[in-house]
Amino acid sequence: MNSQEKYDDAMFDFSRGEFDRAIAKLKTVLATDRGNFEAQLALGMAFYRKGDYASAIAEGHRAEKLRPKEQLVHTNLSLFYMKSGDKVTAEKHGLQAKIESWRADAATAGSPAVKTEGDSELVIAKPTPLPMKFPSQPWKKKPAV
């Protein structure tokens, strides 16, 4: 079973509420692929769902080291800190998440399409405006003679 299959299996357990099994499987994925951002992020969320906020925060910071400017990392950390009772740090990460969303919006402004990270085949098309049509104006037509 490759790393992606192990990750998918762990996420299936997560979706069924079997957080201990998901945590164990995510840890095996990370043991072989320490840079797997999705697994690291999911591990923090699994600990959060289990109610282990200290572990969730620790895993969230490991995800932050992999992608420090990722909006979802800071959103999760804000949630974890809020549940643990540290409102000040939660607000700090909430603000950081908002800043990262602004950066993402600014980076995509003016570009005709937004490419997803790591996959050049997937492109999100931006709508093109339709040409404006004016209704017919019968009062401007000359009467037929």
C-alpha atoms as a PDB file:
ATOM      1  CA  MET A   1       0.000   0.000   0.000  1.00  0.00           C
ATOM      2  CA  ASN A   2       1.506   3.325  -1.056  1.00  0.00           C
ATOM      3  CA  SER A   3       1.454   6.562   0.925  1.00  0.00           C
ATOM      4  CA  GLN A   4      -1.623   7.958  -0.844  1.00  0.00           C
ATOM      5  CA  GLU A   5      -3.612   4.777  -0.214  1.00  0.00           C
ATOM      6  CA  LYS A   6      -2.637   4.869   3.470  1.00  0.00           C
ATOM      7  CA  TYR A   7      -3.701   8.509   3.655  1.00  0.00           C
ATOM      8  CA  ASP A   8      -7.023   7.722   1.956  1.00  0.00           C
ATOM      9  CA  ASP A   9      -7.586   4.834   4.362  1.00  0.00           C
ATOM     10  CA  ALA A  10      -6.880   7.114   7.334  1.00  0.00           C
ATOM     11  CA  MET A  11      -9.285   9.740   5.998  1.00  0.00           C
ATOM     12  CA  PHE A  12     -11.974   7.090   5.621  1.00  0.00           C
ATOM     13  CA  ASP A  13     -11.547   6.229   9.314  1.00  0.00           C
ATOM     14  CA  PHE A  14     -11.631   9.949  10.132  1.00  0.00           C
ATOM     15  CA  SER A  15     -14.890  10.373   8.221  1.00  0.00           C
ATOM     16  CA  ARG A  16     -16.430   7.535  10.219  1.00  0.00           C
ATOM     17  CA  GLY A  17     -15.417   9.120  13.524  1.00  0.00           C
ATOM     18  CA  GLU A  18     -12.744   6.521  14.279  1.00  0.00           C
ATOM     19  CA  PHE A  19     -10.178   9.104  15.282  1.00  0.00           C
ATOM     20  CA  ASP A  20      -7.756   6.790  17.112  1.00  0.00           C
ATOM     21  CA  ARG A  21      -7.454   4.581  14.019  1.00  0.00           C
ATOM     22  CA  ALA A  22      -7.095   7.631  11.780  1.00  0.00           C
ATOM     23  CA  ILE A  23      -4.372   9.056  14.037  1.00  0.00           C
ATOM     24  CA  ALA A  24      -2.415   5.796  13.978  1.00  0.00           C
ATOM     25  CA  LYS A  25      -2.634   5.584  10.184  1.00  0.00           C
ATOM     26  CA  LEU A  26      -1.729   9.229   9.672  1.00  0.00           C
ATOM     27  CA  LYS A  27       1.310   8.769  11.890  1.00  0.00           C
ATOM     28  CA  THR A  28       2.469   5.857   9.696  1.00  0.00           C
ATOM     29  CA  VAL A  29       2.045   8.035   6.605  1.00  0.00           C
ATOM     30  CA  LEU A  30       4.108  10.792   8.231  1.00  0.00           C
ATOM     31  CA  ALA A  31       6.759   8.323   9.375  1.00  0.00           C
ATOM     32  CA  THR A  32       7.542   7.538   5.737  1.00  0.00           C
ATOM     33  CA  ASP A  33       6.702  10.957   4.249  1.00  0.00           C
ATOM     34  CA  ARG A  34       7.438  13.704   6.795  1.00  0.00           C
ATOM     35  CA  GLY A  35       6.618  16.432   4.275  1.00  0.00           C
ATOM     36  CA  ASN A  36       3.072  15.234   3.564  1.00  0.00           C
ATOM     37  CA  PHE A  37       1.191  18.435   4.313  1.00  0.00           C
ATOM     38  CA  GLU A  38      -2.307  16.994   3.958  1.00  0.00           C
ATOM     39  CA  ALA A  39      -1.550  14.157   6.381  1.00  0.00           C
ATOM     40  CA  GLN A  40      -0.012  16.597   8.868  1.00  0.00           C
ATOM     41  CA  LEU A  41      -3.027  18.889   8.676  1.00  0.00           C
ATOM     42  CA  ALA A  42      -5.432  15.953   9.045  1.00  0.00           C
ATOM     43  CA  LEU A  43      -3.515  14.625  12.053  1.00  0.00           C
ATOM     44  CA  GLY A  44      -4.018  17.905  13.888  1.00  0.00           C
ATOM     45  CA  MET A  45      -7.721  17.869  13.066  1.00  0.00           C
ATOM     46  CA  ALA A  46      -8.059  14.246  14.227  1.00  0.00           C
ATOM     47  CA  PHE A  47      -6.570  15.153  17.605  1.00  0.00           C
ATOM     48  CA  TYR A  48      -8.921  18.143  17.771  1.00  0.00           C
ATOM     49  CA  ARG A  49     -11.962  15.979  17.053  1.00  0.00           C
ATOM     50  CA  LYS A  50     -10.804  13.566  19.731  1.00  0.00           C
ATOM     51  CA  GLY A  51     -10.641  16.469  22.206  1.00  0.00           C
ATOM     52  CA  ASP A  52      -6.853  16.396  22.635  1.00  0.00           C
ATOM     53  CA  TYR A  53      -6.266  20.108  22.028  1.00  0.00           C
ATOM     54  CA  ALA A  54      -2.620  20.155  23.151  1.00  0.00           C
ATOM     55  CA  SER A  55      -1.703  17.490  20.575  1.00  0.00           C
ATOM     56  CA  ALA A  56      -3.840  19.222  17.949  1.00  0.00           C
ATOM     57  CA  ILE A  57      -1.921  22.464  18.533  1.00  0.00           C
ATOM     58  CA  ALA A  58       1.442  20.672  18.336  1.00  0.00           C
ATOM     59  CA  GLU A  59       0.499  18.964  15.057  1.00  0.00           C
ATOM     60  CA  GLY A  60      -0.944  22.231  13.739  1.00  0.00           C
ATOM     61  CA  HIS A  61       2.395  23.944  14.312  1.00  0.00           C
ATOM     62  CA  ARG A  62       4.157  21.118  12.461  1.00  0.00           C
ATOM     63  CA  ALA A  63       1.826  21.785   9.514  1.00  0.00           C
ATOM     64  CA  GLU A  64       2.640  25.494   9.870  1.00  0.00           C
ATOM     65  CA  LYS A  65       6.348  24.696   9.464  1.00  0.00           C
ATOM     66  CA  LEU A  66       5.558  22.909   6.188  1.00  0.00           C
ATOM     67  CA  ARG A  67       3.439  25.788   4.826  1.00  0.00           C
ATOM     68  CA  PRO A  68       3.668  28.913   6.974  1.00  0.00           C
ATOM     69  CA  LYS A  69       1.508  31.012   4.656  1.00  0.00           C
ATOM     70  CA  GLU A  70      -1.352  28.513   4.316  1.00  0.00           C
ATOM     71  CA  GLN A  71      -4.713  29.978   5.318  1.00  0.00           C
ATOM     72  CA  LEU A  72      -6.143  26.626   6.471  1.00  0.00           C
ATOM     73  CA  VAL A  73      -3.237  26.052   8.869  1.00  0.00           C
ATOM     74  CA  HIS A  74      -3.942  29.309  10.680  1.00  0.00           C
ATOM     75  CA  THR A  75      -7.697  28.730  10.624  1.00  0.00           C
ATOM     76  CA  ASN A  76      -7.191  25.342  12.288  1.00  0.00           C
ATOM     77  CA  LEU A  77      -4.727  26.717  14.823  1.00  0.00           C
ATOM     78  CA  SER A  78      -7.182  29.475  15.687  1.00  0.00           C
ATOM     79  CA  LEU A  79      -9.866  26.861  16.303  1.00  0.00           C
ATOM     80  CA  PHE A  80      -7.531  24.664  18.364  1.00  0.00           C
ATOM     81  CA  TYR A  81      -6.368  27.552  20.538  1.00  0.00           C
ATOM     82  CA  MET A  82      -9.921  28.818  21.050  1.00  0.00           C
ATOM     83  CA  LYS A  83     -11.071  25.402  22.255  1.00  0.00           C
ATOM     84  CA  SER A  84      -8.058  25.130  24.547  1.00  0.00           C
ATOM     85  CA  GLY A  85      -9.004  28.463  26.152  1.00  0.00           C
ATOM     86  CA  ASP A  86      -6.226  30.660  24.714  1.00  0.00           C
ATOM     87  CA  LYS A  87      -8.315  33.380  23.065  1.00  0.00           C
ATOM     88  CA  VAL A  88      -5.410  35.766  22.442  1.00  0.00           C
ATOM     89  CA  THR A  89      -3.404  33.233  20.427  1.00  0.00           C
ATOM     90  CA  ALA A  90      -6.592  32.078  18.684  1.00  0.00           C
ATOM     91  CA  GLU A  91      -7.254  35.633  17.537  1.00  0.00           C
ATOM     92  CA  LYS A  92      -3.645  35.971  16.352  1.00  0.00           C
ATOM     93  CA  HIS A  93      -4.009  32.909  14.123  1.00  0.00           C
ATOM     94  CA  GLY A  94      -7.462  34.014  13.005  1.00  0.00           C
ATOM     95  CA  LEU A  95      -5.980  37.310  11.843  1.00  0.00           C
ATOM     96  CA  GLN A  96      -3.112  35.492  10.137  1.00  0.00           C
ATOM     97  CA  ALA A  97      -5.657  33.313   8.292  1.00  0.00           C
ATOM     98  CA  LYS A  98      -7.453  36.446   7.096  1.00  0.00           C
ATOM     99  CA  ILE A  99      -4.182  38.004   5.929  1.00  0.00           C
ATOM    100  CA  GLU A 100      -3.334  34.848   3.974  1.00  0.00           C
ATOM    101  CA  SER A 101      -6.752  34.913   2.312  1.00  0.00           C
ATOM    102  CA  TRP A 102      -6.105  38.512   1.253  1.00  0.00           C
ATOM    103  CA  ARG A 103      -2.718  37.521  -0.139  1.00  0.00           C
ATOM    104  CA  ALA A 104      -4.322  34.698  -2.099  1.00  0.00           C
ATOM    105  CA  ASP A 105      -6.976  37.064  -3.457  1.00  0.00           C
ATOM    106  CA  ALA A 106      -4.346  39.631  -4.428  1.00  0.00           C
ATOM    107  CA  ALA A 107      -2.221  36.987  -6.130  1.00  0.00           C
ATOM    108  CA  THR A 108      -5.115  35.830  -8.301  1.00  0.00           C
ATOM    109  CA  ALA A 109      -6.529  39.294  -9.064  1.00  0.00           C
ATOM    110  CA  GLY A 110      -6.271  40.150 -12.707  1.00  0.00           C
ATOM    111  CA  SER A 111      -5.253  36.674 -13.836  1.00  0.00           C
ATOM    112  CA  PRO A 112      -7.587  35.001 -16.337  1.00  0.00           C
ATOM    113  CA  ALA A 113      -7.413  31.642 -14.544  1.00  0.00           C
ATOM    114  CA  VAL A 114      -6.253  30.334 -11.200  1.00  0.00           C
ATOM    115  CA  LYS A 115      -4.107  27.220 -11.279  1.00  0.00           C
ATOM    116  CA  THR A 116      -4.149  24.901  -8.325  1.00  0.00           C
ATOM    117  CA  GLU A 117      -0.840  24.298  -6.597  1.00  0.00           C
ATOM    118  CA  GLY A 118       1.092  21.387  -8.043  1.00  0.00           C
ATOM    119  CA  ASP A 119      -1.394  20.501 -10.798  1.00  0.00           C
ATOM    120  CA  SER A 120      -1.075  22.482 -13.997  1.00  0.00           C
ATOM    121  CA  GLU A 121      -3.974  20.629 -15.647  1.00  0.00           C
ATOM    122  CA  LEU A 122      -6.631  21.896 -13.264  1.00  0.00           C
ATOM    123  CA  VAL A 123      -7.695  25.424 -14.013  1.00  0.00           C
ATOM    124  CA  ILE A 124     -10.555  27.355 -12.484  1.00  0.00           C
ATOM    125  CA  ALA A 125     -12.046  29.544 -15.176  1.00  0.00           C
ATOM    126  CA  LYS A 126     -13.175  33.051 -14.398  1.00  0.00           C
ATOM    127  CA  PRO A 127     -16.462  34.109 -15.984  1.00  0.00           C
ATOM    128  CA  THR A 128     -16.307  36.356 -19.006  1.00  0.00           C
ATOM    129  CA  PRO A 129     -18.907  39.112 -19.215  1.00  0.00           C
ATOM    130  CA  LEU A 130     -21.602  38.696 -21.850  1.00  0.00           C
ATOM    131  CA  PRO A 131     -21.930  41.387 -24.487  1.00  0.00           C
ATOM    132  CA  MET A 132     -24.571  43.930 -23.573  1.00  0.00           C
ATOM    133  CA  LYS A 133     -27.643  43.936 -25.820  1.00  0.00           C
ATOM    134  CA  PHE A 134     -30.001  46.841 -25.870  1.00  0.00           C
ATOM    135  CA  PRO A 135     -33.699  46.197 -26.357  1.00  0.00           C
ATOM    136  CA  SER A 136     -35.278  47.247 -29.598  1.00  0.00           C
ATOM    137  CA  GLN A 137     -36.486  50.836 -29.588  1.00  0.00           C
ATOM    138  CA  PRO A 138     -39.599  50.986 -31.767  1.00  0.00           C
ATOM    139  CA  TRP A 139     -40.049  54.732 -31.234  1.00  0.00           C
ATOM    140  CA  LYS A 140     -36.804  55.392 -33.085  1.00  0.00           C
ATOM    141  CA  LYS A 141     -37.831  53.416 -36.162  1.00  0.00           C
ATOM    142  CA  LYS A 142     -39.102  55.405 -39.103  1.00  0.00           C
ATOM    143  CA  PRO A 143     -42.667  54.533 -40.088  1.00  0.00           C
ATOM    144  CA  ALA A 144     -43.043  52.604 -43.327  1.00  0.00           C
ATOM    145  CA  VAL A 145     -44.568  54.725 -46.106  1.00  0.00           C
END
